[in-house]
């Protein structure tokens, strides 16, 4: 059964994480997809807010 990340990760022990800009099925989270030329830059601010804990 899946468990929430908050029970798997200790911020005190590991405060830094690597985030990638690609998701499932090679879909881009942000940036410009080199294969299609489509821009996903509109998502960058949303991702940064999530990473830094802003609403």
N, C-alpha and C. Protein backbone atom coordinates (compact mmCIF):
# COMPACT_ATOMS: atom_id res chain seq x y z
N UNK A 1 0.84 -1.18 0.00
CA UNK A 1 0.00 0.00 0.00
C UNK A 1 0.89 1.25 0.00
N UNK A 2 0.48 2.23 -0.75
CA UNK A 2 1.24 3.48 -0.85
C UNK A 2 1.17 4.26 0.46
N UNK A 3 2.28 4.91 0.80
CA UNK A 3 2.33 5.72 2.01
C UNK A 3 2.64 7.17 1.63
N UNK A 4 2.14 8.13 2.41
CA UNK A 4 2.44 9.52 2.10
C UNK A 4 3.93 9.80 2.24
N UNK A 5 4.44 10.68 1.39
CA UNK A 5 5.85 11.03 1.43
C UNK A 5 6.29 11.56 2.79
N UNK A 6 5.39 12.22 3.48
CA UNK A 6 5.74 12.78 4.79
C UNK A 6 6.12 11.69 5.79
N UNK A 7 5.67 10.45 5.56
CA UNK A 7 6.06 9.35 6.44
C UNK A 7 7.32 8.64 5.94
N UNK A 8 7.73 8.93 4.72
CA UNK A 8 8.89 8.27 4.13
C UNK A 8 10.16 9.12 4.19
N UNK A 9 10.00 10.44 4.24
CA UNK A 9 11.12 11.36 4.13
C UNK A 9 11.28 12.18 5.40
N UNK A 10 12.51 12.30 5.86
CA UNK A 10 12.81 13.13 7.01
C UNK A 10 13.49 14.41 6.53
N UNK A 11 12.83 15.54 6.65
CA UNK A 11 13.39 16.82 6.23
C UNK A 11 14.65 17.14 7.03
N UNK A 12 14.70 16.73 8.29
CA UNK A 12 15.88 16.99 9.12
C UNK A 12 17.11 16.24 8.60
N UNK A 13 16.91 15.00 8.13
CA UNK A 13 18.02 14.19 7.65
C UNK A 13 18.39 14.50 6.20
N UNK A 14 17.41 14.83 5.39
CA UNK A 14 17.63 15.06 3.96
C UNK A 14 16.86 16.30 3.51
N UNK A 15 17.43 17.50 3.70
CA UNK A 15 16.70 18.71 3.36
C UNK A 15 16.70 19.06 1.87
N UNK A 16 17.49 18.36 1.05
CA UNK A 16 17.59 18.70 -0.37
C UNK A 16 17.12 17.54 -1.24
N UNK A 17 16.46 17.87 -2.34
CA UNK A 17 15.95 16.86 -3.25
C UNK A 17 16.21 17.29 -4.68
N UNK A 18 16.34 16.33 -5.55
CA UNK A 18 16.52 16.58 -6.97
C UNK A 18 15.16 16.48 -7.65
N UNK A 19 14.79 17.50 -8.37
CA UNK A 19 13.53 17.49 -9.11
C UNK A 19 13.83 17.49 -10.60
N UNK A 20 13.10 16.72 -11.35
CA UNK A 20 13.33 16.64 -12.78
C UNK A 20 12.21 17.35 -13.52
N UNK A 21 12.49 17.73 -14.77
CA UNK A 21 11.50 18.48 -15.54
C UNK A 21 10.73 17.60 -16.51
N UNK A 22 10.81 16.29 -16.34
CA UNK A 22 10.01 15.38 -17.15
C UNK A 22 9.17 14.52 -16.25
N UNK A 23 8.03 14.13 -16.75
CA UNK A 23 7.10 13.33 -15.96
C UNK A 23 6.82 12.02 -16.69
N UNK A 24 5.76 11.38 -16.32
CA UNK A 24 5.36 10.11 -16.90
C UNK A 24 5.16 10.24 -18.41
N UNK A 25 5.53 9.21 -19.13
CA UNK A 25 5.37 9.13 -20.59
C UNK A 25 6.13 10.24 -21.32
N UNK A 26 7.24 10.70 -20.75
CA UNK A 26 8.08 11.74 -21.33
C UNK A 26 7.37 13.08 -21.47
N UNK A 27 6.31 13.31 -20.72
CA UNK A 27 5.63 14.59 -20.74
C UNK A 27 6.45 15.60 -19.95
N UNK A 28 6.53 16.81 -20.44
CA UNK A 28 7.29 17.84 -19.77
C UNK A 28 6.47 18.52 -18.69
N UNK A 29 7.11 18.79 -17.58
CA UNK A 29 6.46 19.51 -16.49
C UNK A 29 6.58 21.01 -16.72
N UNK A 30 7.76 21.44 -17.15
CA UNK A 30 7.98 22.85 -17.47
C UNK A 30 9.13 22.92 -18.47
N UNK A 31 9.28 24.05 -19.11
CA UNK A 31 10.29 24.20 -20.14
C UNK A 31 9.68 24.02 -21.51
N UNK A 32 10.53 23.87 -22.50
CA UNK A 32 10.07 23.70 -23.88
C UNK A 32 10.39 22.28 -24.33
N UNK A 33 9.37 21.59 -24.78
CA UNK A 33 9.53 20.23 -25.28
C UNK A 33 10.24 20.29 -26.62
N UNK A 34 11.45 19.75 -26.70
CA UNK A 34 12.24 19.81 -27.93
C UNK A 34 11.63 18.99 -29.06
N UNK A 35 10.86 17.97 -28.71
CA UNK A 35 10.25 17.13 -29.75
C UNK A 35 9.08 17.82 -30.43
N UNK A 36 8.26 18.52 -29.64
CA UNK A 36 7.06 19.14 -30.20
C UNK A 36 7.17 20.65 -30.34
N UNK A 37 8.13 21.27 -29.62
CA UNK A 37 8.27 22.73 -29.64
C UNK A 37 7.28 23.43 -28.73
N UNK A 38 6.46 22.66 -28.02
CA UNK A 38 5.44 23.25 -27.15
C UNK A 38 6.07 23.74 -25.85
N UNK A 39 5.65 24.93 -25.41
CA UNK A 39 6.18 25.52 -24.18
C UNK A 39 5.28 25.21 -22.99
N UNK A 40 5.92 24.80 -21.91
CA UNK A 40 5.22 24.53 -20.66
C UNK A 40 5.71 25.47 -19.56
N UNK A 41 6.24 26.63 -19.97
CA UNK A 41 6.79 27.60 -19.02
C UNK A 41 5.74 28.14 -18.06
N UNK A 42 4.48 28.11 -18.45
CA UNK A 42 3.42 28.63 -17.60
C UNK A 42 3.31 27.83 -16.29
N UNK A 43 3.89 26.65 -16.24
CA UNK A 43 3.83 25.82 -15.04
C UNK A 43 4.97 26.11 -14.05
N UNK A 44 6.02 26.83 -14.49
CA UNK A 44 7.21 27.02 -13.67
C UNK A 44 6.90 27.68 -12.32
N UNK A 45 6.12 28.76 -12.33
CA UNK A 45 5.80 29.45 -11.07
C UNK A 45 5.03 28.53 -10.13
N UNK A 46 4.10 27.75 -10.66
CA UNK A 46 3.32 26.83 -9.84
C UNK A 46 4.24 25.81 -9.17
N UNK A 47 5.18 25.25 -9.93
CA UNK A 47 6.11 24.26 -9.39
C UNK A 47 6.99 24.88 -8.31
N UNK A 48 7.53 26.07 -8.57
CA UNK A 48 8.37 26.74 -7.59
C UNK A 48 7.61 27.01 -6.31
N UNK A 49 6.37 27.44 -6.43
CA UNK A 49 5.55 27.69 -5.24
C UNK A 49 5.34 26.40 -4.43
N UNK A 50 5.12 25.30 -5.11
CA UNK A 50 4.95 24.02 -4.42
C UNK A 50 6.24 23.60 -3.72
N UNK A 51 7.38 23.78 -4.39
CA UNK A 51 8.66 23.38 -3.82
C UNK A 51 9.02 24.22 -2.60
N UNK A 52 8.70 25.52 -2.66
CA UNK A 52 9.06 26.42 -1.55
C UNK A 52 7.97 26.54 -0.49
N UNK A 53 6.87 25.82 -0.67
CA UNK A 53 5.81 25.80 0.33
C UNK A 53 4.91 27.02 0.32
N UNK A 54 4.85 27.74 -0.81
CA UNK A 54 3.96 28.90 -0.91
C UNK A 54 2.60 28.45 -1.41
N UNK A 55 1.56 29.16 -1.02
CA UNK A 55 0.21 28.78 -1.50
C UNK A 55 0.00 29.01 -2.98
